[in-house]
Protein backbone atom coordinates (compact mmCIF):
# COMPACT_ATOMS: atom_id res chain seq x y z
CA UNK A 1 83.45 28.34 163.14
CA UNK A 2 87.07 27.22 162.86
CA UNK A 3 86.53 24.72 165.67
CA UNK A 4 83.52 23.23 163.91
CA UNK A 5 85.49 22.94 160.67
CA UNK A 6 88.41 21.27 162.42
CA UNK A 7 86.05 18.85 164.19
CA UNK A 8 84.37 17.98 160.88
CA UNK A 9 87.73 17.31 159.22
CA UNK A 10 88.78 15.17 162.17
CA UNK A 11 85.59 13.12 162.01
CA UNK A 12 86.05 12.60 158.27
CA UNK A 13 89.63 11.48 158.84
CA UNK A 14 88.54 9.04 161.53
CA UNK A 15 85.81 7.66 159.25
CA UNK A 16 88.26 7.20 156.39
CA UNK A 17 90.57 5.03 158.48
CA UNK A 18 88.11 3.51 160.97
CA UNK A 19 87.79 0.08 159.37
CA UNK A 20 90.90 -2.04 159.24
CA UNK A 21 89.44 -5.56 159.18
CA UNK A 22 86.73 -5.72 156.51
CA UNK A 23 84.84 -8.81 155.36
CA UNK A 24 82.59 -9.22 152.33
CA UNK A 25 79.73 -11.67 151.79
CA UNK A 26 79.04 -10.58 148.22
CA UNK A 27 80.92 -11.15 144.97
CA UNK A 28 80.70 -7.52 143.83
CA UNK A 29 81.76 -6.02 147.15
CA UNK A 30 84.61 -8.58 147.10
CA UNK A 31 85.89 -7.04 143.89
CA UNK A 32 85.36 -3.46 145.01
CA UNK A 33 87.38 -4.13 148.16
CA UNK A 34 90.13 -5.97 146.29
CA UNK A 35 90.42 -3.16 143.74
CA UNK A 36 89.89 -0.11 145.94
CA UNK A 37 91.01 -0.96 149.50
CA UNK A 38 94.48 -1.71 150.84
CA UNK A 39 94.99 -5.51 151.04
CA UNK A 40 95.96 -5.43 154.72
CA UNK A 41 92.52 -4.02 155.57
CA UNK A 42 90.63 -6.93 153.98
CA UNK A 43 89.92 -9.91 156.24
CA UNK A 44 87.68 -12.05 154.05
CA UNK A 45 85.96 -12.27 150.66
CA UNK A 46 83.76 -14.97 149.18
CA UNK A 47 85.19 -18.13 147.67
CA UNK A 48 83.90 -17.02 144.26
CA UNK A 49 86.60 -14.37 144.10
CA UNK A 50 89.25 -17.08 143.96
CA UNK A 51 87.89 -18.18 140.59
CA UNK A 52 89.61 -16.93 137.45
CA UNK A 53 86.14 -16.28 136.05
CA UNK A 54 85.50 -13.55 138.61
CA UNK A 55 88.85 -12.48 140.05
CA UNK A 56 89.80 -9.12 138.58
CA UNK A 57 92.40 -8.14 141.17
CA UNK A 58 95.20 -9.95 143.03
CA UNK A 59 94.02 -12.10 145.92
CA UNK A 60 96.38 -11.66 148.90
CA UNK A 61 97.35 -14.91 150.59
CA UNK A 62 96.18 -13.85 154.05
CA UNK A 63 92.55 -13.29 153.01
CA UNK A 64 90.06 -15.90 154.23
CA UNK A 65 87.68 -17.22 151.57
CA UNK A 66 84.19 -17.54 153.05
CA UNK A 67 81.09 -19.34 151.77
CA UNK A 68 78.59 -16.86 153.14
CA UNK A 69 78.22 -18.38 156.59
CA UNK A 70 78.23 -16.32 159.78
CA UNK A 71 80.31 -18.79 161.80
CA UNK A 72 83.21 -18.41 159.36
CA UNK A 73 83.59 -14.74 160.27
CA UNK A 74 83.32 -15.07 164.04
CA UNK A 75 86.96 -15.98 164.57
CA UNK A 76 88.05 -13.25 162.16
CA UNK A 77 86.24 -10.61 164.23
CA UNK A 78 85.81 -8.09 161.37
CA UNK A 79 85.01 -4.49 162.26
CA UNK A 80 82.90 -4.15 159.10
CA UNK A 81 80.95 -6.72 157.10
CA UNK A 82 79.63 -5.78 153.64
CA UNK A 83 76.66 -7.73 152.32
CA UNK A 84 74.70 -7.52 149.07
CA UNK A 85 71.04 -6.75 148.72
CA UNK A 86 69.87 -10.35 148.41
CA UNK A 87 72.60 -12.94 149.06
CA UNK A 88 73.82 -14.20 152.46
CA UNK A 89 70.91 -12.57 154.30
CA UNK A 90 70.75 -15.31 156.95
CA UNK A 91 74.43 -14.81 157.76
CA UNK A 92 73.99 -11.03 157.81
CA UNK A 93 71.05 -11.29 160.20
CA UNK A 94 72.96 -13.63 162.54
CA UNK A 95 76.03 -11.39 162.55
CA UNK A 96 73.89 -8.38 163.42
CA UNK A 97 72.34 -10.31 166.29
CA UNK A 98 75.86 -10.98 167.57
CA UNK A 99 76.71 -7.28 167.46
CA UNK A 100 78.79 -7.10 164.29
CA UNK A 101 78.72 -4.00 162.10
CA UNK A 102 76.94 -5.26 158.96
CA UNK A 103 76.20 -2.84 156.12
CA UNK A 104 73.99 -3.57 153.12
CA UNK A 105 75.36 -2.39 149.77
CA UNK A 106 72.60 -2.27 147.11
CA UNK A 107 72.93 -4.21 143.88
CA UNK A 108 73.10 -2.25 140.63
CA UNK A 109 71.19 -3.05 137.43
CA UNK A 110 70.97 0.53 136.11
CA UNK A 111 73.10 3.67 136.17
CA UNK A 112 70.83 5.16 138.82
CA UNK A 113 71.21 2.10 141.04
CA UNK A 114 74.94 2.15 140.41
CA UNK A 115 75.03 5.70 141.73
CA UNK A 116 73.21 4.55 144.87
CA UNK A 117 75.64 1.66 145.28
CA UNK A 118 78.69 3.89 145.11
CA UNK A 119 77.14 6.38 147.52
CA UNK A 120 76.38 3.61 150.01
CA UNK A 121 79.95 2.38 149.73
CA UNK A 122 81.35 5.87 150.15
CA UNK A 123 79.16 6.42 153.22
CA UNK A 124 80.76 3.48 154.97
CA UNK A 125 84.34 3.58 153.66
CA UNK A 126 84.81 7.34 153.74
CA UNK A 127 87.60 8.88 151.71
CA UNK A 128 88.65 6.53 148.93
CA UNK A 129 90.24 7.98 145.75
CA UNK A 130 89.39 5.10 143.34
CA UNK A 131 85.78 5.10 144.50
CA UNK A 132 85.56 8.89 144.23
CA UNK A 133 86.95 8.74 140.69
CA UNK A 134 84.31 6.21 139.59
CA UNK A 135 81.58 8.21 141.30
CA UNK A 136 82.63 11.37 139.48
CA UNK A 137 82.70 9.54 136.13
CA UNK A 138 79.24 8.13 136.79
CA UNK A 139 77.83 11.55 137.69
CA UNK A 140 79.23 12.88 134.42
CA UNK A 141 77.59 10.01 132.53
CA UNK A 142 74.20 10.66 134.14
CA UNK A 143 74.44 14.36 133.30
CA UNK A 144 74.98 13.73 129.60
CA UNK A 145 72.02 14.66 127.37
CA UNK A 146 70.36 11.92 125.38
CA UNK A 147 71.78 12.00 121.87
CA UNK A 148 70.04 10.80 118.69
CA UNK A 149 70.94 7.24 117.76
CA UNK A 150 73.52 7.13 114.96
CA UNK A 151 73.66 3.33 114.63
CA UNK A 152 71.77 0.23 115.75
CA UNK A 153 72.97 -2.51 118.07
CA UNK A 154 71.75 -5.81 119.47
CA UNK A 155 73.14 -7.60 122.50
CA UNK A 156 73.58 -11.36 122.20
CA UNK A 157 74.59 -13.04 125.42
CA UNK A 158 75.08 -16.70 126.30
CA UNK A 159 72.10 -18.89 125.40
CA UNK A 160 70.90 -16.17 122.99
CA UNK A 161 69.74 -13.81 125.74
CA UNK A 162 69.26 -10.17 124.75
CA UNK A 163 68.89 -7.07 126.96
CA UNK A 164 66.02 -4.59 126.83
CA UNK A 165 65.14 -1.12 128.06
CA UNK A 166 65.23 -1.83 131.79
CA UNK A 167 68.88 -2.86 131.86
CA UNK A 168 72.18 -1.08 132.45
CA UNK A 169 73.53 -2.42 129.16
CA UNK A 170 70.69 -0.68 127.31
CA UNK A 171 71.50 2.64 129.00
CA UNK A 172 75.14 2.41 127.99
CA UNK A 173 74.20 1.70 124.37
CA UNK A 174 71.87 4.69 124.28
CA UNK A 175 74.40 7.06 125.87
CA UNK A 176 76.96 5.92 123.30
CA UNK A 177 74.63 6.80 120.43
CA UNK A 178 73.22 3.37 119.54
CA UNK A 179 69.62 2.30 119.16
CA UNK A 180 69.09 -0.93 121.09
CA UNK A 181 66.96 -2.99 118.71
CA UNK A 182 65.72 -5.28 121.50
CA UNK A 183 64.29 -2.28 123.38
CA UNK A 184 62.78 -0.90 120.17
CA UNK A 185 61.02 -4.25 119.79
CA UNK A 186 59.45 -3.88 123.25
CA UNK A 187 61.83 -5.96 125.37
CA UNK A 188 62.00 -4.43 128.85
CA UNK A 189 64.54 -6.66 130.58
CA UNK A 190 65.79 -10.01 129.30
CA UNK A 191 64.47 -12.38 126.67
CA UNK A 192 65.76 -15.10 124.42
CA UNK A 193 66.24 -14.11 120.79
CA UNK A 194 66.59 -16.54 117.90
CA UNK A 195 69.47 -16.28 115.46
CA UNK A 196 66.86 -15.77 112.73
CA UNK A 197 65.68 -12.65 114.58
CA UNK A 198 69.25 -11.38 114.86
CA UNK A 199 69.82 -11.88 111.15
CA UNK A 200 66.51 -10.22 110.25
CA UNK A 201 67.19 -7.22 112.52
CA UNK A 202 70.51 -6.51 110.75
CA UNK A 203 72.06 -4.45 113.57
CA UNK A 204 75.03 -2.26 112.72
CA UNK A 205 76.80 -3.70 115.77
CA UNK A 206 76.54 -7.11 117.41
CA UNK A 207 77.29 -6.83 121.13
CA UNK A 208 78.43 -9.97 122.91
CA UNK A 209 79.12 -10.98 126.50
CA UNK A 210 82.35 -12.97 126.52
CA UNK A 211 84.37 -13.96 123.50
CA UNK A 212 85.86 -16.96 121.77
CA UNK A 213 88.55 -17.19 124.43
CA UNK A 214 85.71 -17.93 126.87
CA UNK A 215 84.11 -20.38 124.46
CA UNK A 216 81.41 -22.66 125.80
CA UNK A 217 78.34 -24.34 124.36
CA UNK A 218 76.34 -21.30 125.49
CA UNK A 219 78.36 -19.13 123.07
CA UNK A 220 77.86 -21.28 119.97
CA UNK A 221 76.02 -18.43 118.25
CA UNK A 222 79.34 -16.66 117.73
CA UNK A 223 80.42 -19.46 115.38
CA UNK A 224 77.23 -19.47 113.36
CA UNK A 225 78.30 -19.03 109.71
CA UNK A 226 75.70 -16.32 109.05
CA UNK A 227 76.98 -14.25 111.97
CA UNK A 228 80.65 -14.64 111.09
CA UNK A 229 80.51 -11.62 108.80
CA UNK A 230 80.06 -9.42 111.88
CA UNK A 231 83.44 -10.63 113.09
CA UNK A 232 85.02 -10.44 109.66
CA UNK A 233 83.87 -6.82 109.21
CA UNK A 234 84.79 -5.75 112.75
CA UNK A 235 81.19 -5.04 113.67
CA UNK A 236 81.37 -6.78 117.03
CA UNK A 237 81.83 -5.35 120.52
CA UNK A 238 82.49 -7.56 123.53
CA UNK A 239 81.20 -6.50 126.92
CA UNK A 240 83.51 -7.39 129.83
CA UNK A 241 82.10 -9.99 132.21
CA UNK A 242 82.48 -7.54 135.12
CA UNK A 243 79.61 -5.50 133.72
CA UNK A 244 77.25 -8.36 134.59
CA UNK A 245 78.32 -8.90 138.21
CA UNK A 246 80.05 -5.67 139.32
CA UNK A 247 79.50 -2.81 136.85
CA UNK A 248 81.03 -0.19 139.13
CA UNK A 249 84.44 -1.41 138.01
CA UNK A 250 83.92 -0.99 134.27
CA UNK A 251 80.76 0.96 133.35
CA UNK A 252 82.56 4.22 132.58
CA UNK A 253 85.21 2.46 130.47
CA UNK A 254 82.58 0.49 128.56
CA UNK A 255 80.70 3.67 127.69
CA UNK A 256 83.84 5.31 126.35
CA UNK A 257 84.73 2.23 124.30
CA UNK A 258 81.19 2.06 122.85
CA UNK A 259 81.44 5.70 121.81
CA UNK A 260 84.72 4.99 120.06
CA UNK A 261 83.17 1.96 118.36
CA UNK A 262 80.27 4.06 117.10
CA UNK A 263 82.70 6.59 115.64
CA UNK A 264 84.68 3.85 113.92
CA UNK A 265 81.50 2.43 112.37
CA UNK A 266 80.51 5.87 111.14
CA UNK A 267 83.94 6.36 109.56
CA UNK A 268 83.51 3.16 107.54
CA UNK A 269 80.16 4.18 106.07
């Protein structure tokens, strides 16, 4: 029995340190590697991660920036290539044909899918404290009972897009104690909402993606005079951009912040 236990521990240790030259062909796995894996173990991430819009961790100088093409990784000879569920599939297929170790990491658009994503990442990376911390936080979130809504909220993203019941953002609102008015109106995923609808709905909280510091034409709604009172009365919550392209990094923090926002709104009533 002791021998079996020692062998198991040895195999786990080998798995945890087996990959020392990892490449990513996906923006989210880029960020997960840059945040959770030692820089010297990362060989390549996508060119998108060099953009200030997406980069959420330092980008070491030695890392090659790829554009999702198989030939770019050949000379790097990575011992592990992470690829997303949909992007760079041609490169992934070619690399597999050439004998490279390519692992698909599922995308995440719900808390359940996020759990699957973290499990898939843990299966390939092995022991990883930051990943394990996020996984534990997510499991705690999923175990929480559904609480009655204490306030209403409406998400208003760029180009007046709102988020319905089939989205991760909706789940976070519900867990934090908000009624998502878009879901209550029958929206299941995404739809465009007019400013007149927003005004008529009168949500207790207006939830935005991006803020005035990221101002673009797509965010003009924030400067609409009728909506300014949400800003003036501190009834606005801004979702971090990471939630849209790599929620594993921020989902737990966003939920906690939404809970605190709900409490602050209740205190003002």
